[in-house]
Amino acid sequence: MKRKHQKTLELIFARPTSANVRWSDIEALLLELGAQIEEREGSRVLIKLFGERRVFHRPHPTPTTDKGALASLRDWLFNNGVKP
């Protein structure tokens, strides 16, 4: 895994939850892990990974991801064995 993706993973798992994680960095990390990402209606994004499908909302107008989405993503990754 590239250092950039490792840093993004560390930010996702950081406590307290970071408020400065860019959604584009998260998408790049998920693609590195083998995810398929599809655009949905509005700002929704379908992510297929670990044999599961999850829908997240791409943040707007700012590029940073909210803490609730990070917590959900962190739990999903942790439950599937992905750790920093």
PDB file of N, CA and C in Angstrom:
ATOM      1  N   MET A   1       0.851  -1.178   0.000  1.00  0.00           N
ATOM      2  CA  MET A   1       0.000   0.000   0.000  1.00  0.00           C
ATOM      3  C   MET A   1       0.893   1.236   0.000  1.00  0.00           C
ATOM      4  N   LYS A   2       0.537   2.189  -0.830  1.00  0.00           N
ATOM      5  CA  LYS A   2       1.307   3.429  -0.901  1.00  0.00           C
ATOM      6  C   LYS A   2       1.215   4.201   0.406  1.00  0.00           C
ATOM      7  N   ARG A   3       2.215   4.998   0.662  1.00  0.00           N
ATOM      8  CA  ARG A   3       2.275   5.792   1.898  1.00  0.00           C
ATOM      9  C   ARG A   3       1.067   6.730   2.024  1.00  0.00           C
ATOM     10  N   LYS A   4       0.621   7.293   0.902  1.00  0.00           N
ATOM     11  CA  LYS A   4      -0.535   8.201   0.927  1.00  0.00           C
ATOM     12  C   LYS A   4      -1.780   7.469   1.427  1.00  0.00           C
ATOM     13  N   HIS A   5      -1.992   6.235   0.958  1.00  0.00           N
ATOM     14  CA  HIS A   5      -3.155   5.458   1.383  1.00  0.00           C
ATOM     15  C   HIS A   5      -3.015   5.053   2.850  1.00  0.00           C
ATOM     16  N   GLN A   6      -1.804   4.742   3.273  1.00  0.00           N
ATOM     17  CA  GLN A   6      -1.569   4.390   4.667  1.00  0.00           C
ATOM     18  C   GLN A   6      -1.902   5.574   5.579  1.00  0.00           C
ATOM     19  N   LYS A   7      -1.507   6.780   5.155  1.00  0.00           N
ATOM     20  CA  LYS A   7      -1.792   7.983   5.934  1.00  0.00           C
ATOM     21  C   LYS A   7      -3.303   8.228   6.025  1.00  0.00           C
ATOM     22  N   THR A   8      -4.012   8.023   4.927  1.00  0.00           N
ATOM     23  CA  THR A   8      -5.470   8.177   4.932  1.00  0.00           C
ATOM     24  C   THR A   8      -6.100   7.177   5.887  1.00  0.00           C
ATOM     25  N   LEU A   9      -5.617   5.937   5.862  1.00  0.00           N
ATOM     26  CA  LEU A   9      -6.129   4.908   6.765  1.00  0.00           C
ATOM     27  C   LEU A   9      -5.881   5.288   8.219  1.00  0.00           C
ATOM     28  N   GLU A  10      -4.714   5.836   8.503  1.00  0.00           N
ATOM     29  CA  GLU A  10      -4.409   6.288   9.870  1.00  0.00           C
ATOM     30  C   GLU A  10      -5.339   7.413  10.301  1.00  0.00           C
ATOM     31  N   LEU A  11      -5.665   8.325   9.382  1.00  0.00           N
ATOM     32  CA  LEU A  11      -6.599   9.412   9.705  1.00  0.00           C
ATOM     33  C   LEU A  11      -8.000   8.876   9.979  1.00  0.00           C
ATOM     34  N   ILE A  12      -8.416   7.862   9.238  1.00  0.00           N
ATOM     35  CA  ILE A  12      -9.736   7.274   9.439  1.00  0.00           C
ATOM     36  C   ILE A  12      -9.834   6.647  10.825  1.00  0.00           C
ATOM     37  N   PHE A  13      -8.748   6.008  11.275  1.00  0.00           N
ATOM     38  CA  PHE A  13      -8.747   5.321  12.563  1.00  0.00           C
ATOM     39  C   PHE A  13      -8.299   6.209  13.731  1.00  0.00           C
ATOM     40  N   ALA A  14      -7.960   7.452  13.455  1.00  0.00           N
ATOM     41  CA  ALA A  14      -7.473   8.356  14.507  1.00  0.00           C
ATOM     42  C   ALA A  14      -8.559   8.639  15.542  1.00  0.00           C
ATOM     43  N   ARG A  15      -8.126   8.765  16.797  1.00  0.00           N
ATOM     44  CA  ARG A  15      -9.014   9.161  17.895  1.00  0.00           C
ATOM     45  C   ARG A  15      -8.427  10.384  18.554  1.00  0.00           C
ATOM     46  N   PRO A  16      -9.127  11.450  18.745  1.00  0.00           N
ATOM     47  CA  PRO A  16     -10.501  11.698  18.324  1.00  0.00           C
ATOM     48  C   PRO A  16     -10.609  11.741  16.797  1.00  0.00           C
ATOM     49  N   THR A  17     -11.810  11.540  16.308  1.00  0.00           N
ATOM     50  CA  THR A  17     -12.049  11.489  14.867  1.00  0.00           C
ATOM     51  C   THR A  17     -11.638  12.792  14.204  1.00  0.00           C
ATOM     52  N   SER A  18     -10.865  12.670  13.147  1.00  0.00           N
ATOM     53  CA  SER A  18     -10.364  13.838  12.421  1.00  0.00           C
ATOM     54  C   SER A  18     -11.482  14.486  11.604  1.00  0.00           C
ATOM     55  N   ALA A  19     -11.410  15.786  11.481  1.00  0.00           N
ATOM     56  CA  ALA A  19     -12.377  16.518  10.661  1.00  0.00           C
ATOM     57  C   ALA A  19     -11.740  16.985   9.351  1.00  0.00           C
ATOM     58  N   ASN A  20     -10.553  16.462   9.041  1.00  0.00           N
ATOM     59  CA  ASN A  20      -9.816  16.929   7.870  1.00  0.00           C
ATOM     60  C   ASN A  20      -9.450  15.814   6.902  1.00  0.00           C
ATOM     61  N   VAL A  21     -10.357  14.869   6.687  1.00  0.00           N
ATOM     62  CA  VAL A  21     -10.082  13.777   5.751  1.00  0.00           C
ATOM     63  C   VAL A  21     -10.845  14.061   4.461  1.00  0.00           C
ATOM     64  N   ARG A  22     -10.104  14.197   3.387  1.00  0.00           N
ATOM     65  CA  ARG A  22     -10.716  14.504   2.092  1.00  0.00           C
ATOM     66  C   ARG A  22     -11.378  13.254   1.521  1.00  0.00           C
ATOM     67  N   TRP A  23     -12.585  13.425   0.966  1.00  0.00           N
ATOM     68  CA  TRP A  23     -13.312  12.302   0.391  1.00  0.00           C
ATOM     69  C   TRP A  23     -12.533  11.689  -0.772  1.00  0.00           C
ATOM     70  N   SER A  24     -11.861  12.495  -1.562  1.00  0.00           N
ATOM     71  CA  SER A  24     -11.096  11.961  -2.700  1.00  0.00           C
ATOM     72  C   SER A  24      -9.988  11.022  -2.226  1.00  0.00           C
ATOM     73  N   ASP A  25      -9.389  11.304  -1.069  1.00  0.00           N
ATOM     74  CA  ASP A  25      -8.368  10.416  -0.507  1.00  0.00           C
ATOM     75  C   ASP A  25      -8.991   9.096  -0.050  1.00  0.00           C
ATOM     76  N   ILE A  26     -10.199   9.164   0.495  1.00  0.00           N
ATOM     77  CA  ILE A  26     -10.901   7.946   0.918  1.00  0.00           C
ATOM     78  C   ILE A  26     -11.238   7.091  -0.294  1.00  0.00           C
ATOM     79  N   GLU A  27     -11.734   7.714  -1.359  1.00  0.00           N
ATOM     80  CA  GLU A  27     -12.047   6.962  -2.575  1.00  0.00           C
ATOM     81  C   GLU A  27     -10.800   6.293  -3.132  1.00  0.00           C
ATOM     82  N   ALA A  28      -9.660   7.001  -3.135  1.00  0.00           N
ATOM     83  CA  ALA A  28      -8.414   6.424  -3.630  1.00  0.00           C
ATOM     84  C   ALA A  28      -7.987   5.220  -2.782  1.00  0.00           C
ATOM     85  N   LEU A  29      -8.141   5.322  -1.470  1.00  0.00           N
ATOM     86  CA  LEU A  29      -7.824   4.209  -0.576  1.00  0.00           C
ATOM     87  C   LEU A  29      -8.729   3.012  -0.872  1.00  0.00           C
ATOM     88  N   LEU A  30     -10.021   3.255  -0.998  1.00  0.00           N
ATOM     89  CA  LEU A  30     -10.953   2.167  -1.263  1.00  0.00           C
ATOM     90  C   LEU A  30     -10.668   1.487  -2.597  1.00  0.00           C
ATOM     91  N   LEU A  31     -10.316   2.267  -3.605  1.00  0.00           N
ATOM     92  CA  LEU A  31      -9.937   1.680  -4.891  1.00  0.00           C
ATOM     93  C   LEU A  31      -8.689   0.811  -4.741  1.00  0.00           C
ATOM     94  N   GLU A  32      -7.736   1.252  -3.944  1.00  0.00           N
ATOM     95  CA  GLU A  32      -6.521   0.483  -3.674  1.00  0.00           C
ATOM     96  C   GLU A  32      -6.862  -0.851  -3.004  1.00  0.00           C
ATOM     97  N   LEU A  33      -7.903  -0.849  -2.170  1.00  0.00           N
ATOM     98  CA  LEU A  33      -8.328  -2.069  -1.482  1.00  0.00           C
ATOM     99  C   LEU A  33      -9.166  -2.983  -2.377  1.00  0.00           C
ATOM    100  N   GLY A  34      -9.474  -2.529  -3.603  1.00  0.00           N
ATOM    101  CA  GLY A  34     -10.210  -3.351  -4.554  1.00  0.00           C
ATOM    102  C   GLY A  34     -11.680  -3.005  -4.701  1.00  0.00           C
ATOM    103  N   ALA A  35     -12.071  -1.857  -4.230  1.00  0.00           N
ATOM    104  CA  ALA A  35     -13.480  -1.460  -4.302  1.00  0.00           C
ATOM    105  C   ALA A  35     -13.882  -1.062  -5.710  1.00  0.00           C
ATOM    106  N   GLN A  36     -15.170  -1.235  -5.979  1.00  0.00           N
ATOM    107  CA  GLN A  36     -15.787  -0.688  -7.178  1.00  0.00           C
ATOM    108  C   GLN A  36     -16.673   0.456  -6.704  1.00  0.00           C
ATOM    109  N   ILE A  37     -16.540   1.608  -7.339  1.00  0.00           N
ATOM    110  CA  ILE A  37     -17.292   2.789  -6.920  1.00  0.00           C
ATOM    111  C   ILE A  37     -18.193   3.232  -8.059  1.00  0.00           C
ATOM    112  N   GLU A  38     -19.484   3.390  -7.743  1.00  0.00           N
ATOM    113  CA  GLU A  38     -20.463   3.822  -8.740  1.00  0.00           C
ATOM    114  C   GLU A  38     -21.164   5.081  -8.256  1.00  0.00           C
ATOM    115  N   GLU A  39     -21.394   5.986  -9.185  1.00  0.00           N
ATOM    116  CA  GLU A  39     -22.146   7.197  -8.888  1.00  0.00           C
ATOM    117  C   GLU A  39     -23.627   6.848  -8.807  1.00  0.00           C
ATOM    118  N   ARG A  40     -24.326   7.437  -7.867  1.00  0.00           N
ATOM    119  CA  ARG A  40     -25.767   7.275  -7.723  1.00  0.00           C
ATOM    120  C   ARG A  40     -26.409   8.648  -7.816  1.00  0.00           C
ATOM    121  N   GLU A  41     -27.685   8.713  -7.480  1.00  0.00           N
ATOM    122  CA  GLU A  41     -28.406   9.979  -7.554  1.00  0.00           C
ATOM    123  C   GLU A  41     -27.827  10.992  -6.575  1.00  0.00           C
ATOM    124  N   GLY A  42     -27.828  12.241  -6.999  1.00  0.00           N
ATOM    125  CA  GLY A  42     -27.336  13.313  -6.135  1.00  0.00           C
ATOM    126  C   GLY A  42     -25.881  13.105  -5.788  1.00  0.00           C
ATOM    127  N   SER A  43     -25.573  13.167  -4.522  1.00  0.00           N
ATOM    128  CA  SER A  43     -24.184  13.025  -4.085  1.00  0.00           C
ATOM    129  C   SER A  43     -23.904  11.627  -3.533  1.00  0.00           C
ATOM    130  N   ARG A  44     -24.802  10.691  -3.787  1.00  0.00           N
ATOM    131  CA  ARG A  44     -24.613   9.331  -3.274  1.00  0.00           C
ATOM    132  C   ARG A  44     -23.570   8.570  -4.096  1.00  0.00           C
ATOM    133  N   VAL A  45     -22.822   7.729  -3.395  1.00  0.00           N
ATOM    134  CA  VAL A  45     -21.797   6.905  -4.021  1.00  0.00           C
ATOM    135  C   VAL A  45     -21.968   5.482  -3.498  1.00  0.00           C
ATOM    136  N   LEU A  46     -22.097   4.515  -4.413  1.00  0.00           N
ATOM    137  CA  LEU A  46     -22.199   3.105  -4.042  1.00  0.00           C
ATOM    138  C   LEU A  46     -20.805   2.505  -4.059  1.00  0.00           C
ATOM    139  N   ILE A  47     -20.432   1.866  -2.960  1.00  0.00           N
ATOM    140  CA  ILE A  47     -19.118   1.235  -2.855  1.00  0.00           C
ATOM    141  C   ILE A  47     -19.320  -0.254  -2.667  1.00  0.00           C
ATOM    142  N   LYS A  48     -18.736  -1.040  -3.563  1.00  0.00           N
ATOM    143  CA  LYS A  48     -18.777  -2.494  -3.474  1.00  0.00           C
ATOM    144  C   LYS A  48     -17.393  -2.962  -3.027  1.00  0.00           C
ATOM    145  N   LEU A  49     -17.357  -3.577  -1.841  1.00  0.00           N
ATOM    146  CA  LEU A  49     -16.081  -4.034  -1.283  1.00  0.00           C
ATOM    147  C   LEU A  49     -16.373  -5.097  -0.231  1.00  0.00           C
ATOM    148  N   PHE A  50     -15.510  -6.081  -0.118  1.00  0.00           N
ATOM    149  CA  PHE A  50     -15.661  -7.177   0.854  1.00  0.00           C
ATOM    150  C   PHE A  50     -16.941  -7.967   0.618  1.00  0.00           C
ATOM    151  N   GLY A  51     -17.433  -8.006  -0.617  1.00  0.00           N
ATOM    152  CA  GLY A  51     -18.670  -8.714  -0.906  1.00  0.00           C
ATOM    153  C   GLY A  51     -19.904  -7.996  -0.380  1.00  0.00           C
ATOM    154  N   GLU A  52     -19.755  -6.753  -0.010  1.00  0.00           N
ATOM    155  CA  GLU A  52     -20.857  -5.952   0.523  1.00  0.00           C
ATOM    156  C   GLU A  52     -21.029  -4.690  -0.312  1.00  0.00           C
ATOM    157  N   ARG A  53     -22.180  -4.076  -0.165  1.00  0.00           N
ATOM    158  CA  ARG A  53     -22.469  -2.810  -0.837  1.00  0.00           C
ATOM    159  C   ARG A  53     -22.837  -1.789   0.221  1.00  0.00           C
ATOM    160  N   ARG A  54     -22.203  -0.642   0.160  1.00  0.00           N
ATOM    161  CA  ARG A  54     -22.496   0.455   1.093  1.00  0.00           C
ATOM    162  C   ARG A  54     -22.697   1.729   0.288  1.00  0.00           C
ATOM    163  N   VAL A  55     -23.602   2.559   0.757  1.00  0.00           N
ATOM    164  CA  VAL A  55     -23.851   3.848   0.114  1.00  0.00           C
ATOM    165  C   VAL A  55     -23.383   4.943   1.065  1.00  0.00           C
ATOM    166  N   PHE A  56     -22.559   5.832   0.541  1.00  0.00           N
ATOM    167  CA  PHE A  56     -22.095   6.996   1.286  1.00  0.00           C
ATOM    168  C   PHE A  56     -22.471   8.244   0.499  1.00  0.00           C
ATOM    169  N   HIS A  57     -22.476   9.360   1.191  1.00  0.00           N
ATOM    170  CA  HIS A  57     -22.744  10.645   0.545  1.00  0.00           C
ATOM    171  C   HIS A  57     -21.431  11.377   0.368  1.00  0.00           C
ATOM    172  N   ARG A  58     -21.162  11.762  -0.880  1.00  0.00           N
ATOM    173  CA  ARG A  58     -19.968  12.562  -1.157  1.00  0.00           C
ATOM    174  C   ARG A  58     -20.206  13.947  -0.569  1.00  0.00           C
ATOM    175  N   PRO A  59     -19.271  14.434   0.241  1.00  0.00           N
ATOM    176  CA  PRO A  59     -19.483  15.734   0.893  1.00  0.00           C
ATOM    177  C   PRO A  59     -19.469  16.890  -0.102  1.00  0.00           C
ATOM    178  N   HIS A  60     -20.264  17.877   0.205  1.00  0.00           N
ATOM    179  CA  HIS A  60     -20.287  19.102  -0.592  1.00  0.00           C
ATOM    180  C   HIS A  60     -20.849  20.206   0.267  1.00  0.00           C
ATOM    181  N   PRO A  61     -20.535  21.418   0.148  1.00  0.00           N
ATOM    182  CA  PRO A  61     -19.603  21.995  -0.819  1.00  0.00           C
ATOM    183  C   PRO A  61     -18.135  21.844  -0.413  1.00  0.00           C
ATOM    184  N   THR A  62     -17.869  21.409   0.813  1.00  0.00           N
ATOM    185  CA  THR A  62     -16.475  21.222   1.220  1.00  0.00           C
ATOM    186  C   THR A  62     -16.016  19.815   0.869  1.00  0.00           C
ATOM    187  N   PRO A  63     -14.718  19.615   0.656  1.00  0.00           N
ATOM    188  CA  PRO A  63     -14.220  18.291   0.265  1.00  0.00           C
ATOM    189  C   PRO A  63     -13.959  17.345   1.439  1.00  0.00           C
ATOM    190  N   THR A  64     -14.148  17.812   2.680  1.00  0.00           N
ATOM    191  CA  THR A  64     -13.831  16.969   3.831  1.00  0.00           C
ATOM    192  C   THR A  64     -15.043  16.144   4.265  1.00  0.00           C
ATOM    193  N   THR A  65     -14.766  14.953   4.745  1.00  0.00           N
ATOM    194  CA  THR A  65     -15.791  13.999   5.135  1.00  0.00           C
ATOM    195  C   THR A  65     -16.234  14.255   6.570  1.00  0.00           C
ATOM    196  N   ASP A  66     -17.540  14.129   6.826  1.00  0.00           N
ATOM    197  CA  ASP A  66     -18.025  14.374   8.185  1.00  0.00           C
ATOM    198  C   ASP A  66     -17.654  13.210   9.107  1.00  0.00           C
ATOM    199  N   LYS A  67     -17.679  13.476  10.388  1.00  0.00           N
ATOM    200  CA  LYS A  67     -17.218  12.501  11.384  1.00  0.00           C
ATOM    201  C   LYS A  67     -18.104  11.265  11.445  1.00  0.00           C
ATOM    202  N   GLY A  68     -19.373  11.408  11.203  1.00  0.00           N
ATOM    203  CA  GLY A  68     -20.280  10.262  11.221  1.00  0.00           C
ATOM    204  C   GLY A  68     -19.961   9.273  10.112  1.00  0.00           C
ATOM    205  N   ALA A  69     -19.690   9.793   8.919  1.00  0.00           N
ATOM    206  CA  ALA A  69     -19.327   8.926   7.792  1.00  0.00           C
ATOM    207  C   ALA A  69     -17.986   8.247   8.056  1.00  0.00           C
ATOM    208  N   LEU A  70     -17.055   8.979   8.670  1.00  0.00           N
ATOM    209  CA  LEU A  70     -15.757   8.381   9.007  1.00  0.00           C
ATOM    210  C   LEU A  70     -15.917   7.254  10.019  1.00  0.00           C
ATOM    211  N   ALA A  71     -16.766   7.435  11.009  1.00  0.00           N
ATOM    212  CA  ALA A  71     -16.995   6.392  12.016  1.00  0.00           C
ATOM    213  C   ALA A  71     -17.595   5.149  11.359  1.00  0.00           C
ATOM    214  N   SER A  72     -18.550   5.331  10.470  1.00  0.00           N
ATOM    215  CA  SER A  72     -19.164   4.214   9.764  1.00  0.00           C
ATOM    216  C   SER A  72     -18.141   3.492   8.898  1.00  0.00           C
ATOM    217  N   LEU A  73     -17.342   4.254   8.184  1.00  0.00           N
ATOM    218  CA  LEU A  73     -16.300   3.685   7.331  1.00  0.00           C
ATOM    219  C   LEU A  73     -15.265   2.953   8.171  1.00  0.00           C
ATOM    220  N   ARG A  74     -14.859   3.537   9.288  1.00  0.00           N
ATOM    221  CA  ARG A  74     -13.884   2.914  10.187  1.00  0.00           C
ATOM    222  C   ARG A  74     -14.397   1.564  10.684  1.00  0.00           C
ATOM    223  N   ASP A  75     -15.654   1.510  11.113  1.00  0.00           N
ATOM    224  CA  ASP A  75     -16.242   0.257  11.595  1.00  0.00           C
ATOM    225  C   ASP A  75     -16.279  -0.795  10.490  1.00  0.00           C
ATOM    226  N   TRP A  76     -16.649  -0.383   9.293  1.00  0.00           N
ATOM    227  CA  TRP A  76     -16.732  -1.304   8.148  1.00  0.00           C
ATOM    228  C   TRP A  76     -15.351  -1.882   7.840  1.00  0.00           C
ATOM    229  N   LEU A  77     -14.358  -1.016   7.780  1.00  0.00           N
ATOM    230  CA  LEU A  77     -12.991  -1.489   7.491  1.00  0.00           C
ATOM    231  C   LEU A  77     -12.484  -2.402   8.595  1.00  0.00           C
ATOM    232  N   PHE A  78     -12.675  -2.004   9.858  1.00  0.00           N
ATOM    233  CA  PHE A  78     -12.202  -2.793  10.989  1.00  0.00           C
ATOM    234  C   PHE A  78     -12.846  -4.185  11.018  1.00  0.00           C
ATOM    235  N   ASN A  79     -14.149  -4.241  10.767  1.00  0.00           N
ATOM    236  CA  ASN A  79     -14.868  -5.514  10.774  1.00  0.00           C
ATOM    237  C   ASN A  79     -14.428  -6.441   9.644  1.00  0.00           C
ATOM    238  N   ASN A  80     -13.753  -5.903   8.643  1.00  0.00           N
ATOM    239  CA  ASN A  80     -13.264  -6.713   7.533  1.00  0.00           C
ATOM    240  C   ASN A  80     -11.748  -6.861   7.552  1.00  0.00           C
ATOM    241  N   GLY A  81     -11.139  -6.577   8.703  1.00  0.00           N
ATOM    242  CA  GLY A  81      -9.716  -6.848   8.895  1.00  0.00           C
ATOM    243  C   GLY A  81      -8.761  -5.804   8.362  1.00  0.00           C
ATOM    244  N   VAL A  82      -9.247  -4.633   8.005  1.00  0.00           N
ATOM    245  CA  VAL A  82      -8.370  -3.576   7.519  1.00  0.00           C
ATOM    246  C   VAL A  82      -8.046  -2.662   8.701  1.00  0.00           C
ATOM    247  N   LYS A  83      -6.760  -2.555   9.017  1.00  0.00           N
ATOM    248  CA  LYS A  83      -6.310  -1.732  10.140  1.00  0.00           C
ATOM    249  C   LYS A  83      -5.068  -0.973   9.701  1.00  0.00           C
ATOM    250  N   PRO A  84      -4.803   0.179  10.335  1.00  0.00           N
ATOM    251  CA  PRO A  84      -3.586   0.920   9.964  1.00  0.00           C
ATOM    252  C   PRO A  84      -2.319   0.214  10.408  1.00  0.00           C
TER     253      PRO A  84
END
